[in-house]
Amino acid sequence: MDFGRLLEIVGDEPAFETGLLLSGDVDPGHIRRQLSRWTKAGRLHQLRRGLYALAPPYRKAKPHPFTIANRLVEGSYVSCQSALGHYGLIPEYVPTVVSVCSGRPRSWDTPLGRFLFRHIRAEFLFGYQPIEVGDGQRALVARPEKALLDLIHLTPAGDAEAYLRSLRLQGLESLDLQTVKDLARAFGKPKLMRAAARVQSLAGEVAPVLEGG
């Protein structure tokens, strides 16, 4: 296989698995050696074992970090600070893409950014949705209410008022407070029920300011 043929196969995919190239009458060893050579030549980025992305100028669109995060760990979704930042609920720029998954915690430093995966139990993998992230790419991202609860769940004393205030949450009027309560109940954790009540209290502090202009 030459590099031109690889470009035809990959098309506009933001990332691709080695398996995409192994169908038909091909030599797997030869394909893997080619991938290694193209990576060393700077034509490809290796993101993890078996997962690659085209390097500029060969790619048609820049891979979105959220899309790459989904591809790094199957069954994961973007959450916590990364999702909160995406929705404008915290003021800080979040350079590391934080996701949750039911597997072991892990992280990758790649040419496309740093990716952190935090563990939660499989029954807590809910409250996310596919969203458009640009250039025809989609990613699974926690709804804002679930992203906040995931972060609280994974943070020691995350339900404390001092911690919630330290997040400097903004745009709380965009949160569905009933959804926060419902999702907290679905966790079945007293910690998250306490947090839901405190988030509602914080939102109540903001509301009079908004009404007063």
N, C-alpha and C. Protein backbone atom coordinates (compact mmCIF):
# COMPACT_ATOMS: atom_id res chain seq x y z
N MET A 1 0.84 -1.19 0.00
CA MET A 1 0.00 0.00 0.00
C MET A 1 0.88 1.25 0.00
N ASP A 2 0.56 2.20 -0.88
CA ASP A 2 1.29 3.46 -0.85
C ASP A 2 0.47 4.50 -0.07
N PHE A 3 1.08 5.66 0.17
CA PHE A 3 0.43 6.66 1.02
C PHE A 3 -0.81 7.24 0.34
N GLY A 4 -0.79 7.35 -0.97
CA GLY A 4 -1.96 7.84 -1.69
C GLY A 4 -3.16 6.94 -1.48
N ARG A 5 -2.93 5.64 -1.46
CA ARG A 5 -4.02 4.70 -1.22
C ARG A 5 -4.55 4.84 0.21
N LEU A 6 -3.65 5.08 1.16
CA LEU A 6 -4.09 5.30 2.54
C LEU A 6 -5.02 6.51 2.62
N LEU A 7 -4.66 7.59 1.93
CA LEU A 7 -5.49 8.79 1.96
C LEU A 7 -6.88 8.51 1.39
N GLU A 8 -6.95 7.69 0.35
CA GLU A 8 -8.25 7.33 -0.23
C GLU A 8 -9.09 6.55 0.77
N ILE A 9 -8.46 5.63 1.49
CA ILE A 9 -9.20 4.78 2.44
C ILE A 9 -9.67 5.60 3.64
N VAL A 10 -8.79 6.42 4.17
CA VAL A 10 -9.10 7.17 5.39
C VAL A 10 -10.10 8.28 5.11
N GLY A 11 -9.98 8.93 3.96
CA GLY A 11 -10.90 10.01 3.61
C GLY A 11 -10.84 11.14 4.63
N ASP A 12 -12.02 11.55 5.14
CA ASP A 12 -12.06 12.65 6.09
C ASP A 12 -12.24 12.18 7.53
N GLU A 13 -11.93 10.90 7.78
CA GLU A 13 -12.03 10.40 9.15
C GLU A 13 -11.03 11.13 10.05
N PRO A 14 -11.45 11.59 11.24
CA PRO A 14 -10.51 12.29 12.13
C PRO A 14 -9.44 11.37 12.69
N ALA A 15 -9.74 10.09 12.80
CA ALA A 15 -8.78 9.09 13.26
C ALA A 15 -9.20 7.74 12.69
N PHE A 16 -8.25 6.82 12.62
CA PHE A 16 -8.58 5.52 12.04
C PHE A 16 -7.82 4.42 12.77
N GLU A 17 -8.44 3.26 12.83
CA GLU A 17 -7.85 2.08 13.44
C GLU A 17 -7.04 1.30 12.39
N THR A 18 -6.02 0.62 12.86
CA THR A 18 -5.23 -0.23 11.96
C THR A 18 -6.12 -1.23 11.23
N GLY A 19 -7.14 -1.72 11.92
CA GLY A 19 -8.04 -2.71 11.33
C GLY A 19 -8.71 -2.25 10.06
N LEU A 20 -8.87 -0.91 9.90
CA LEU A 20 -9.49 -0.38 8.69
C LEU A 20 -8.69 -0.75 7.45
N LEU A 21 -7.40 -0.98 7.62
CA LEU A 21 -6.50 -1.23 6.49
C LEU A 21 -6.24 -2.71 6.26
N LEU A 22 -6.78 -3.57 7.12
CA LEU A 22 -6.40 -4.98 7.07
C LEU A 22 -7.42 -5.88 6.38
N SER A 23 -8.45 -5.27 5.80
CA SER A 23 -9.44 -6.10 5.10
C SER A 23 -8.90 -6.49 3.72
N GLY A 24 -9.35 -7.62 3.25
CA GLY A 24 -8.92 -8.07 1.93
C GLY A 24 -7.58 -8.79 1.98
N ASP A 25 -6.98 -8.93 0.82
CA ASP A 25 -5.74 -9.70 0.67
C ASP A 25 -4.54 -8.79 0.92
N VAL A 26 -4.22 -8.55 2.18
CA VAL A 26 -3.10 -7.69 2.53
C VAL A 26 -2.21 -8.42 3.54
N ASP A 27 -1.00 -7.94 3.64
CA ASP A 27 -0.03 -8.48 4.60
C ASP A 27 -0.06 -7.60 5.85
N PRO A 28 -0.62 -8.07 6.96
CA PRO A 28 -0.71 -7.23 8.16
C PRO A 28 0.64 -6.70 8.62
N GLY A 29 1.67 -7.53 8.52
CA GLY A 29 2.99 -7.09 8.93
C GLY A 29 3.49 -5.92 8.09
N HIS A 30 3.25 -6.01 6.78
CA HIS A 30 3.67 -4.93 5.88
C HIS A 30 2.92 -3.64 6.20
N ILE A 31 1.60 -3.75 6.45
CA ILE A 31 0.80 -2.57 6.77
C ILE A 31 1.33 -1.90 8.05
N ARG A 32 1.62 -2.69 9.04
CA ARG A 32 2.10 -2.11 10.31
C ARG A 32 3.47 -1.46 10.14
N ARG A 33 4.31 -2.05 9.33
CA ARG A 33 5.63 -1.44 9.07
C ARG A 33 5.47 -0.12 8.33
N GLN A 34 4.53 -0.09 7.38
CA GLN A 34 4.26 1.16 6.65
C GLN A 34 3.77 2.25 7.60
N LEU A 35 2.84 1.88 8.48
CA LEU A 35 2.32 2.85 9.44
C LEU A 35 3.45 3.40 10.32
N SER A 36 4.34 2.53 10.74
CA SER A 36 5.47 2.96 11.55
C SER A 36 6.37 3.92 10.78
N ARG A 37 6.64 3.62 9.52
CA ARG A 37 7.48 4.49 8.71
C ARG A 37 6.83 5.84 8.48
N TRP A 38 5.52 5.84 8.18
CA TRP A 38 4.82 7.10 7.94
C TRP A 38 4.73 7.95 9.21
N THR A 39 4.64 7.28 10.35
CA THR A 39 4.62 8.01 11.62
C THR A 39 5.97 8.67 11.86
N LYS A 40 7.06 7.93 11.65
CA LYS A 40 8.40 8.48 11.83
C LYS A 40 8.68 9.62 10.86
N ALA A 41 8.06 9.55 9.67
CA ALA A 41 8.25 10.59 8.66
C ALA A 41 7.38 11.81 8.91
N GLY A 42 6.51 11.76 9.92
CA GLY A 42 5.66 12.90 10.24
C GLY A 42 4.38 12.99 9.42
N ARG A 43 4.06 11.93 8.68
CA ARG A 43 2.83 11.93 7.90
C ARG A 43 1.61 11.52 8.72
N LEU A 44 1.87 10.73 9.77
CA LEU A 44 0.80 10.26 10.65
C LEU A 44 1.14 10.60 12.09
N HIS A 45 0.11 10.73 12.91
CA HIS A 45 0.25 10.79 14.36
C HIS A 45 -0.24 9.46 14.93
N GLN A 46 0.56 8.82 15.76
CA GLN A 46 0.06 7.65 16.48
C GLN A 46 -0.51 8.14 17.81
N LEU A 47 -1.80 7.87 18.05
CA LEU A 47 -2.48 8.35 19.24
C LEU A 47 -2.41 7.34 20.37
N ARG A 48 -2.51 6.10 20.04
CA ARG A 48 -2.28 4.96 20.94
C ARG A 48 -2.02 3.77 20.04
N ARG A 49 -1.78 2.62 20.63
CA ARG A 49 -1.52 1.45 19.81
C ARG A 49 -2.75 1.16 18.93
N GLY A 50 -2.53 1.13 17.62
CA GLY A 50 -3.61 0.79 16.69
C GLY A 50 -4.50 1.94 16.28
N LEU A 51 -4.26 3.17 16.79
CA LEU A 51 -5.09 4.32 16.44
C LEU A 51 -4.20 5.44 15.93
N TYR A 52 -4.55 5.94 14.74
CA TYR A 52 -3.73 6.95 14.07
C TYR A 52 -4.60 8.09 13.56
N ALA A 53 -3.95 9.22 13.31
CA ALA A 53 -4.60 10.36 12.64
C ALA A 53 -3.63 10.91 11.61
N LEU A 54 -4.18 11.40 10.52
CA LEU A 54 -3.34 12.03 9.51
C LEU A 54 -2.75 13.32 10.07
N ALA A 55 -1.50 13.58 9.74
CA ALA A 55 -0.86 14.83 10.14
C ALA A 55 -1.05 15.87 9.04
N PRO A 56 -1.01 17.16 9.39
CA PRO A 56 -1.07 18.17 8.34
C PRO A 56 0.20 18.06 7.48
N PRO A 57 0.09 18.33 6.18
CA PRO A 57 -1.06 18.89 5.46
C PRO A 57 -1.98 17.85 4.84
N TYR A 58 -1.87 16.61 5.28
CA TYR A 58 -2.60 15.52 4.61
C TYR A 58 -4.04 15.40 5.07
N ARG A 59 -4.35 15.85 6.28
CA ARG A 59 -5.72 15.71 6.77
C ARG A 59 -6.61 16.77 6.14
N LYS A 60 -7.89 16.44 5.99
CA LYS A 60 -8.84 17.36 5.37
C LYS A 60 -9.42 18.35 6.38
N ALA A 61 -9.49 17.95 7.64
CA ALA A 61 -10.01 18.82 8.70
C ALA A 61 -9.27 18.47 9.98
N LYS A 62 -9.12 19.45 10.86
CA LYS A 62 -8.45 19.21 12.13
C LYS A 62 -9.33 18.36 13.04
N PRO A 63 -8.82 17.24 13.54
CA PRO A 63 -9.63 16.41 14.43
C PRO A 63 -9.99 17.17 15.70
N HIS A 64 -11.25 17.13 16.09
CA HIS A 64 -11.66 17.79 17.33
C HIS A 64 -11.22 16.94 18.52
N PRO A 65 -10.69 17.56 19.58
CA PRO A 65 -10.23 16.78 20.73
C PRO A 65 -11.31 15.89 21.33
N PHE A 66 -12.57 16.32 21.33
CA PHE A 66 -13.63 15.50 21.90
C PHE A 66 -13.84 14.23 21.07
N THR A 67 -13.75 14.37 19.75
CA THR A 67 -13.89 13.21 18.89
C THR A 67 -12.75 12.22 19.12
N ILE A 68 -11.55 12.74 19.25
CA ILE A 68 -10.40 11.89 19.50
C ILE A 68 -10.53 11.18 20.84
N ALA A 69 -11.03 11.89 21.86
CA ALA A 69 -11.22 11.28 23.17
C ALA A 69 -12.15 10.07 23.07
N ASN A 70 -13.24 10.23 22.36
CA ASN A 70 -14.18 9.11 22.18
C ASN A 70 -13.51 7.92 21.51
N ARG A 71 -12.61 8.21 20.56
CA ARG A 71 -11.97 7.13 19.82
C ARG A 71 -10.88 6.43 20.64
N LEU A 72 -10.27 7.16 21.55
CA LEU A 72 -9.20 6.56 22.35
C LEU A 72 -9.72 5.45 23.25
N VAL A 73 -10.89 5.66 23.84
CA VAL A 73 -11.46 4.65 24.74
C VAL A 73 -12.91 4.42 24.33
N GLU A 74 -13.19 3.26 23.82
CA GLU A 74 -14.55 2.91 23.41
C GLU A 74 -15.47 2.92 24.63
N GLY A 75 -16.66 3.49 24.45
CA GLY A 75 -17.63 3.53 25.53
C GLY A 75 -17.46 4.69 26.49
N SER A 76 -16.51 5.58 26.21
CA SER A 76 -16.30 6.75 27.07
C SER A 76 -17.11 7.93 26.55
N TYR A 77 -17.25 8.95 27.39
CA TYR A 77 -17.81 10.22 26.93
C TYR A 77 -17.10 11.36 27.66
N VAL A 78 -17.05 12.52 27.02
CA VAL A 78 -16.39 13.70 27.58
C VAL A 78 -17.26 14.27 28.70
N SER A 79 -16.63 14.62 29.82
CA SER A 79 -17.41 15.08 30.97
C SER A 79 -16.56 16.00 31.83
N CYS A 80 -17.01 16.21 33.07
CA CYS A 80 -16.29 16.98 34.09
C CYS A 80 -15.90 18.37 33.57
N GLN A 81 -14.67 18.82 33.86
CA GLN A 81 -14.29 20.18 33.50
C GLN A 81 -14.36 20.45 32.00
N SER A 82 -14.06 19.44 31.20
CA SER A 82 -14.06 19.65 29.74
C SER A 82 -15.45 19.96 29.22
N ALA A 83 -16.44 19.19 29.65
CA ALA A 83 -17.81 19.46 29.22
C ALA A 83 -18.31 20.76 29.81
N LEU A 84 -18.00 21.02 31.08
CA LEU A 84 -18.44 22.27 31.71
C LEU A 84 -17.85 23.48 30.98
N GLY A 85 -16.58 23.38 30.59
CA GLY A 85 -15.97 24.46 29.82
C GLY A 85 -16.61 24.62 28.46
N HIS A 86 -16.93 23.50 27.82
CA HIS A 86 -17.59 23.55 26.50
C HIS A 86 -18.92 24.29 26.58
N TYR A 87 -19.66 24.07 27.66
CA TYR A 87 -20.97 24.72 27.82
C TYR A 87 -20.88 26.13 28.41
N GLY A 88 -19.66 26.57 28.73
CA GLY A 88 -19.49 27.90 29.29
C GLY A 88 -19.89 28.01 30.74
N LEU A 89 -19.88 26.90 31.48
CA LEU A 89 -20.30 26.91 32.88
C LEU A 89 -19.15 27.18 33.85
N ILE A 90 -17.92 27.08 33.38
CA ILE A 90 -16.78 27.49 34.19
C ILE A 90 -15.92 28.41 33.33
N PRO A 91 -15.23 29.36 33.96
CA PRO A 91 -14.50 30.36 33.17
C PRO A 91 -13.14 29.89 32.68
N GLU A 92 -12.56 28.86 33.28
CA GLU A 92 -11.20 28.47 32.95
C GLU A 92 -11.12 27.70 31.63
N TYR A 93 -10.00 27.93 30.93
CA TYR A 93 -9.67 27.10 29.78
C TYR A 93 -9.19 25.75 30.30
N VAL A 94 -9.68 24.68 29.71
CA VAL A 94 -9.33 23.32 30.18
C VAL A 94 -8.48 22.66 29.10
N PRO A 95 -7.14 22.63 29.27
CA PRO A 95 -6.27 22.10 28.22
C PRO A 95 -6.33 20.58 28.07
N THR A 96 -6.61 19.86 29.15
CA THR A 96 -6.72 18.41 29.10
C THR A 96 -8.16 17.99 28.88
N VAL A 97 -8.39 17.10 27.94
CA VAL A 97 -9.75 16.61 27.71
C VAL A 97 -10.04 15.51 28.72
N VAL A 98 -11.04 15.76 29.56
CA VAL A 98 -11.39 14.82 30.63
C VAL A 98 -12.63 14.04 30.20
N SER A 99 -12.53 12.72 30.26
CA SER A 99 -13.65 11.83 29.94
C SER A 99 -13.86 10.87 31.10
N VAL A 100 -15.00 10.19 31.08
CA VAL A 100 -15.25 9.13 32.05
C VAL A 100 -15.51 7.84 31.29
N CYS A 101 -15.18 6.72 31.95
CA CYS A 101 -15.39 5.42 31.34
C CYS A 101 -15.50 4.39 32.47
N SER A 102 -15.93 3.20 32.12
CA SER A 102 -16.05 2.14 33.13
C SER A 102 -14.76 1.34 33.29
N GLY A 103 -13.78 1.61 32.44
CA GLY A 103 -12.50 0.91 32.54
C GLY A 103 -11.57 1.59 33.53
N ARG A 104 -10.34 1.14 33.53
CA ARG A 104 -9.38 1.69 34.48
C ARG A 104 -8.99 3.12 34.09
N PRO A 105 -8.64 3.94 35.08
CA PRO A 105 -8.17 5.30 34.76
C PRO A 105 -6.89 5.24 33.93
N ARG A 106 -6.76 6.17 33.02
CA ARG A 106 -5.56 6.21 32.18
C ARG A 106 -5.45 7.58 31.55
N SER A 107 -4.30 7.84 30.97
CA SER A 107 -4.11 9.12 30.28
C SER A 107 -3.19 8.91 29.09
N TRP A 108 -3.33 9.79 28.11
CA TRP A 108 -2.46 9.78 26.94
C TRP A 108 -2.02 11.21 26.64
N ASP A 109 -0.74 11.37 26.37
CA ASP A 109 -0.21 12.60 25.80
C ASP A 109 0.07 12.33 24.34
N THR A 110 -0.63 13.04 23.48
CA THR A 110 -0.53 12.79 22.05
C THR A 110 -0.21 14.08 21.31
N PRO A 111 0.16 14.00 20.03
CA PRO A 111 0.36 15.22 19.25
C PRO A 111 -0.91 16.06 19.11
N LEU A 112 -2.07 15.47 19.41
CA LEU A 112 -3.33 16.20 19.31
C LEU A 112 -3.84 16.67 20.66
N GLY A 113 -3.04 16.50 21.72
CA GLY A 113 -3.44 16.97 23.03
C GLY A 113 -3.31 15.91 24.10
N ARG A 114 -3.66 16.31 25.33
CA ARG A 114 -3.60 15.38 26.46
C ARG A 114 -5.02 14.94 26.80
N PHE A 115 -5.15 13.65 27.08
CA PHE A 115 -6.46 13.07 27.33
C PHE A 115 -6.42 12.27 28.62
N LEU A 116 -7.39 12.56 29.51
CA LEU A 116 -7.48 11.89 30.80
C LEU A 116 -8.81 11.16 30.89
N PHE A 117 -8.76 9.91 31.33
CA PHE A 117 -9.98 9.11 31.48
C PHE A 117 -10.11 8.70 32.94
N ARG A 118 -11.26 9.05 33.52
CA ARG A 118 -11.53 8.74 34.92
C ARG A 118 -12.58 7.64 35.01
N HIS A 119 -12.43 6.81 36.01
CA HIS A 119 -13.31 5.65 36.15
C HIS A 119 -14.57 5.98 36.93
N ILE A 120 -15.71 5.56 36.38
CA ILE A 120 -16.94 5.49 37.16
C ILE A 120 -17.59 4.14 36.87
N ARG A 121 -18.44 3.71 37.77
CA ARG A 121 -19.09 2.42 37.58
C ARG A 121 -19.97 2.43 36.34
N ALA A 122 -20.10 1.27 35.71
CA ALA A 122 -20.84 1.18 34.44
C ALA A 122 -22.27 1.69 34.57
N GLU A 123 -22.90 1.46 35.73
CA GLU A 123 -24.30 1.91 35.88
C GLU A 123 -24.43 3.42 35.97
N PHE A 124 -23.30 4.13 36.11
CA PHE A 124 -23.34 5.59 36.16
C PHE A 124 -23.05 6.21 34.78
N LEU A 125 -22.90 5.38 33.77
CA LEU A 125 -22.63 5.90 32.42
C LEU A 125 -23.95 6.26 31.73
N PHE A 126 -24.50 7.39 32.13
CA PHE A 126 -25.74 7.89 31.53
C PHE A 126 -25.66 9.41 31.52
N GLY A 127 -26.67 10.03 30.91
CA GLY A 127 -26.71 11.49 30.92
C GLY A 127 -25.79 12.16 29.93
N TYR A 128 -25.48 11.49 28.82
CA TYR A 128 -24.65 12.08 27.79
C TYR A 128 -25.38 12.05 26.46
N GLN A 129 -24.85 12.77 25.48
CA GLN A 129 -25.53 12.89 24.19
C GLN A 129 -24.50 13.14 23.09
N PRO A 130 -24.83 12.77 21.84
CA PRO A 130 -23.95 13.13 20.73
C PRO A 130 -24.17 14.59 20.35
N ILE A 131 -23.10 15.33 20.17
CA ILE A 131 -23.21 16.73 19.77
C ILE A 131 -22.28 17.00 18.59
N GLU A 132 -22.62 18.03 17.82
CA GLU A 132 -21.78 18.46 16.72
C GLU A 132 -20.62 19.28 17.29
N VAL A 133 -19.40 18.97 16.86
CA VAL A 133 -18.24 19.71 17.37
C VAL A 133 -17.48 20.41 16.25
N GLY A 134 -18.04 20.42 15.04
CA GLY A 134 -17.43 21.14 13.93
C GLY A 134 -16.82 20.24 12.88
N ASP A 135 -16.78 20.76 11.64
CA ASP A 135 -16.20 20.03 10.51
C ASP A 135 -16.83 18.67 10.30
N GLY A 136 -18.15 18.57 10.57
CA GLY A 136 -18.86 17.33 10.37
C GLY A 136 -18.57 16.27 11.42
N GLN A 137 -17.87 16.63 12.47
CA GLN A 137 -17.52 15.66 13.51
C GLN A 137 -18.54 15.71 14.65
N ARG A 138 -18.74 14.56 15.28
CA ARG A 138 -19.64 14.44 16.42
C ARG A 138 -18.90 13.75 17.56
N ALA A 139 -19.33 14.02 18.77
CA ALA A 139 -18.72 13.40 19.93
C ALA A 139 -19.77 13.19 21.01
N LEU A 140 -19.57 12.18 21.83
CA LEU A 140 -20.43 11.93 22.97
C LEU A 140 -19.94 12.79 24.14
N VAL A 141 -20.83 13.65 24.62
CA VAL A 141 -20.47 14.60 25.67
C VAL A 141 -21.57 14.59 26.73
N ALA A 142 -21.19 14.65 27.99
CA ALA A 142 -22.17 14.69 29.07
C ALA A 142 -23.04 15.93 28.93
N ARG A 143 -24.32 15.79 29.25
CA ARG A 143 -25.16 16.97 29.37
C ARG A 143 -24.60 17.82 30.51
N PRO A 144 -24.84 19.13 30.48
CA PRO A 144 -24.20 19.98 31.49
C PRO A 144 -24.48 19.55 32.93
N GLU A 145 -25.71 19.13 33.19
CA GLU A 145 -26.07 18.72 34.55
C GLU A 145 -25.29 17.47 34.98
N LYS A 146 -25.11 16.52 34.04
CA LYS A 146 -24.39 15.29 34.35
C LYS A 146 -22.89 15.55 34.47
N ALA A 147 -22.35 16.45 33.64
CA ALA A 147 -20.93 16.79 33.72
C ALA A 147 -20.60 17.33 35.11
N LEU A 148 -21.48 18.18 35.65
CA LEU A 148 -21.26 18.73 36.98
C LEU A 148 -21.32 17.64 38.04
N LEU A 149 -22.30 16.76 37.94
CA LEU A 149 -22.43 15.69 38.93
C LEU A 149 -21.29 14.68 38.82
N ASP A 150 -20.83 14.38 37.61
CA ASP A 150 -19.68 13.50 37.45
C ASP A 150 -18.46 14.08 38.18
N LEU A 151 -18.24 15.38 38.00
CA LEU A 151 -17.10 16.03 38.63
C LEU A 151 -17.22 15.97 40.15
N ILE A 152 -18.41 16.27 40.67
CA ILE A 152 -18.63 16.23 42.11
C ILE A 152 -18.42 14.81 42.64
N HIS A 153 -18.96 13.85 41.93
CA HIS A 153 -18.83 12.44 42.33
C HIS A 153 -17.38 12.02 42.43
N LEU A 154 -16.55 12.48 41.50
CA LEU A 154 -15.16 12.04 41.41
C LEU A 154 -14.20 12.87 42.26
N THR A 155 -14.71 13.91 42.91
CA THR A 155 -13.87 14.81 43.70
C THR A 155 -14.13 14.59 45.19
N PRO A 156 -13.11 14.27 45.96
CA PRO A 156 -13.31 14.16 47.41
C PRO A 156 -13.90 15.46 47.97
N ALA A 157 -14.95 15.34 48.77
CA ALA A 157 -15.66 16.50 49.32
C ALA A 157 -16.18 17.42 48.22
N GLY A 158 -16.50 16.83 47.08
CA GLY A 158 -16.98 17.63 45.96
C GLY A 158 -18.33 18.27 46.20
N ASP A 159 -19.07 17.80 47.21
CA ASP A 159 -20.37 18.37 47.51
C ASP A 159 -20.27 19.55 48.48
N ALA A 160 -19.08 19.84 48.98
CA ALA A 160 -18.91 20.93 49.94
C ALA A 160 -19.18 22.28 49.26
N GLU A 161 -19.81 23.17 50.00
CA GLU A 161 -20.11 24.49 49.44
C GLU A 161 -18.83 25.20 49.01
N ALA A 162 -17.77 25.06 49.80
CA ALA A 162 -16.51 25.74 49.46
C ALA A 162 -15.98 25.25 48.11
N TYR A 163 -16.09 23.93 47.87
CA TYR A 163 -15.61 23.41 46.58
C TYR A 163 -16.48 23.92 45.44
N LEU A 164 -17.80 23.87 45.62
CA LEU A 164 -18.69 24.32 44.56
C LEU A 164 -18.46 25.79 44.23
N ARG A 165 -18.20 26.59 45.24
CA ARG A 165 -17.92 28.01 44.99
C ARG A 165 -16.57 28.18 44.29
N SER A 166 -15.62 27.29 44.59
CA SER A 166 -14.30 27.39 43.97
C SER A 166 -14.35 27.14 42.46
N LEU A 167 -15.39 26.44 42.00
CA LEU A 167 -15.54 26.20 40.56
C LEU A 167 -15.89 27.47 39.80
N ARG A 168 -16.38 28.48 40.54
CA ARG A 168 -16.82 29.75 39.93
C ARG A 168 -17.82 29.48 38.80
N LEU A 169 -18.80 28.68 39.12
CA LEU A 169 -19.82 28.33 38.13
C LEU A 169 -20.50 29.59 37.61
N GLN A 170 -20.71 29.62 36.32
CA GLN A 170 -21.39 30.74 35.68
C GLN A 170 -22.46 30.20 34.75
N GLY A 171 -23.40 31.07 34.39
CA GLY A 171 -24.47 30.62 33.51
C GLY A 171 -25.36 29.59 34.15
N LEU A 172 -25.49 29.65 35.48
CA LEU A 172 -26.30 28.64 36.18
C LEU A 172 -27.76 28.68 35.75
N GLU A 173 -28.19 29.82 35.22
CA GLU A 173 -29.58 29.90 34.76
C GLU A 173 -29.84 28.95 33.59
N SER A 174 -28.77 28.48 32.94
CA SER A 174 -28.95 27.56 31.81
C SER A 174 -29.07 26.11 32.28
N LEU A 175 -28.77 25.84 33.56
CA LEU A 175 -28.90 24.48 34.08
C LEU A 175 -30.36 24.18 34.37
N ASP A 176 -30.76 22.96 34.09
CA ASP A 176 -32.09 22.49 34.48
C ASP A 176 -31.94 21.89 35.87
N LEU A 177 -32.37 22.64 36.88
CA LEU A 177 -32.16 22.21 38.26
C LEU A 177 -32.93 20.94 38.60
N GLN A 178 -34.08 20.74 37.94
CA GLN A 178 -34.82 19.50 38.18
C GLN A 178 -34.05 18.31 37.62
N THR A 179 -33.40 18.52 36.49
CA THR A 179 -32.57 17.46 35.92
C THR A 179 -31.39 17.15 36.83
N VAL A 180 -30.81 18.17 37.44
CA VAL A 180 -29.72 17.95 38.39
C VAL A 180 -30.20 17.04 39.51
N LYS A 181 -31.38 17.33 40.04
CA LYS A 181 -31.94 16.50 41.13
C LYS A 181 -32.23 15.08 40.65
N ASP A 182 -32.83 14.97 39.47
CA ASP A 182 -33.18 13.64 38.96
C ASP A 182 -31.93 12.79 38.72
N LEU A 183 -30.90 13.39 38.16
CA LEU A 183 -29.67 12.65 37.90
C LEU A 183 -28.97 12.28 39.21
N ALA A 184 -29.03 13.18 40.18
CA ALA A 184 -28.43 12.88 41.48
C ALA A 184 -29.13 11.67 42.11
N ARG A 185 -30.46 11.61 41.98
CA ARG A 185 -31.20 10.45 42.51
C ARG A 185 -30.80 9.17 41.77
N ALA A 186 -30.58 9.30 40.45
CA ALA A 186 -30.21 8.12 39.67
C ALA A 186 -28.86 7.56 40.13
N PHE A 187 -27.96 8.41 40.61
CA PHE A 187 -26.71 7.94 41.18
C PHE A 187 -26.96 7.15 42.47
N GLY A 188 -27.99 7.57 43.21
CA GLY A 188 -28.27 6.92 44.49
C GLY A 188 -27.24 7.22 45.54
N LYS A 189 -26.62 8.40 45.46
CA LYS A 189 -25.57 8.79 46.39
C LYS A 189 -26.02 10.01 47.20
N PRO A 190 -26.06 9.91 48.54
CA PRO A 190 -26.41 11.07 49.37
C PRO A 190 -25.52 12.29 49.07
N LYS A 191 -24.26 12.03 48.78
CA LYS A 191 -23.33 13.12 48.45
C LYS A 191 -23.87 13.96 47.31
N LEU A 192 -24.41 13.31 46.28
CA LEU A 192 -24.87 14.04 45.11
C LEU A 192 -26.22 14.71 45.36
N MET A 193 -27.04 14.15 46.22
CA MET A 193 -28.27 14.81 46.60
C MET A 193 -27.97 16.10 47.37
N ARG A 194 -26.98 16.05 48.26
CA ARG A 194 -26.56 17.26 48.96
C ARG A 194 -26.02 18.29 47.98
N ALA A 195 -25.23 17.81 47.02
CA ALA A 195 -24.66 18.72 46.03
C ALA A 195 -25.76 19.38 45.20
N ALA A 196 -26.77 18.60 44.80
CA ALA A 196 -27.87 19.15 43.99
C ALA A 196 -28.56 20.28 44.75
N ALA A 197 -28.78 20.10 46.05
CA ALA A 197 -29.42 21.15 46.85
C ALA A 197 -28.55 22.39 46.92
N ARG A 198 -27.24 22.20 47.03
CA ARG A 198 -26.34 23.35 47.13
C ARG A 198 -26.22 24.07 45.79
N VAL A 199 -26.26 23.33 44.69
CA VAL A 199 -26.25 23.97 43.37
C VAL A 199 -27.51 24.81 43.19
N GLN A 200 -28.64 24.30 43.64
CA GLN A 200 -29.88 25.05 43.56
C GLN A 200 -29.77 26.34 44.38
N SER A 201 -29.14 26.25 45.55
CA SER A 201 -28.96 27.43 46.39
C SER A 201 -28.07 28.46 45.71
N LEU A 202 -26.98 27.98 45.07
CA LEU A 202 -26.10 28.90 44.35
C LEU A 202 -26.82 29.57 43.19
N ALA A 203 -27.65 28.78 42.48
CA ALA A 203 -28.42 29.35 41.37
C ALA A 203 -29.40 30.40 41.89
N GLY A 204 -29.95 30.17 43.08
CA GLY A 204 -30.87 31.14 43.67
C GLY A 204 -30.19 32.45 44.01
N GLU A 205 -28.88 32.41 44.32
CA GLU A 205 -28.14 33.64 44.59
C GLU A 205 -27.97 34.46 43.33
N VAL A 206 -27.86 33.78 42.19
CA VAL A 206 -27.64 34.47 40.92
C VAL A 206 -28.94 35.07 40.40
N ALA A 207 -30.06 34.37 40.58
CA ALA A 207 -31.34 34.78 39.99
C ALA A 207 -31.74 36.21 40.34
N PRO A 208 -31.68 36.66 41.62
CA PRO A 208 -32.10 38.03 41.92
C PRO A 208 -31.25 39.07 41.19
N VAL A 209 -29.95 38.76 41.02
CA VAL A 209 -29.09 39.69 40.30
C VAL A 209 -29.54 39.84 38.85
N LEU A 210 -29.88 38.68 38.23
CA LEU A 210 -30.34 38.73 36.85
C LEU A 210 -31.64 39.48 36.72
N GLU A 211 -32.54 39.25 37.66
CA GLU A 211 -33.85 39.92 37.59
C GLU A 211 -33.73 41.41 37.81
N GLY A 212 -32.72 41.79 38.62
CA GLY A 212 -32.55 43.20 38.89
C GLY A 212 -31.77 43.93 37.83
N GLY A 213 -31.28 43.17 36.82
CA GLY A 213 -30.53 43.79 35.73
C GLY A 213 -29.09 44.01 36.11
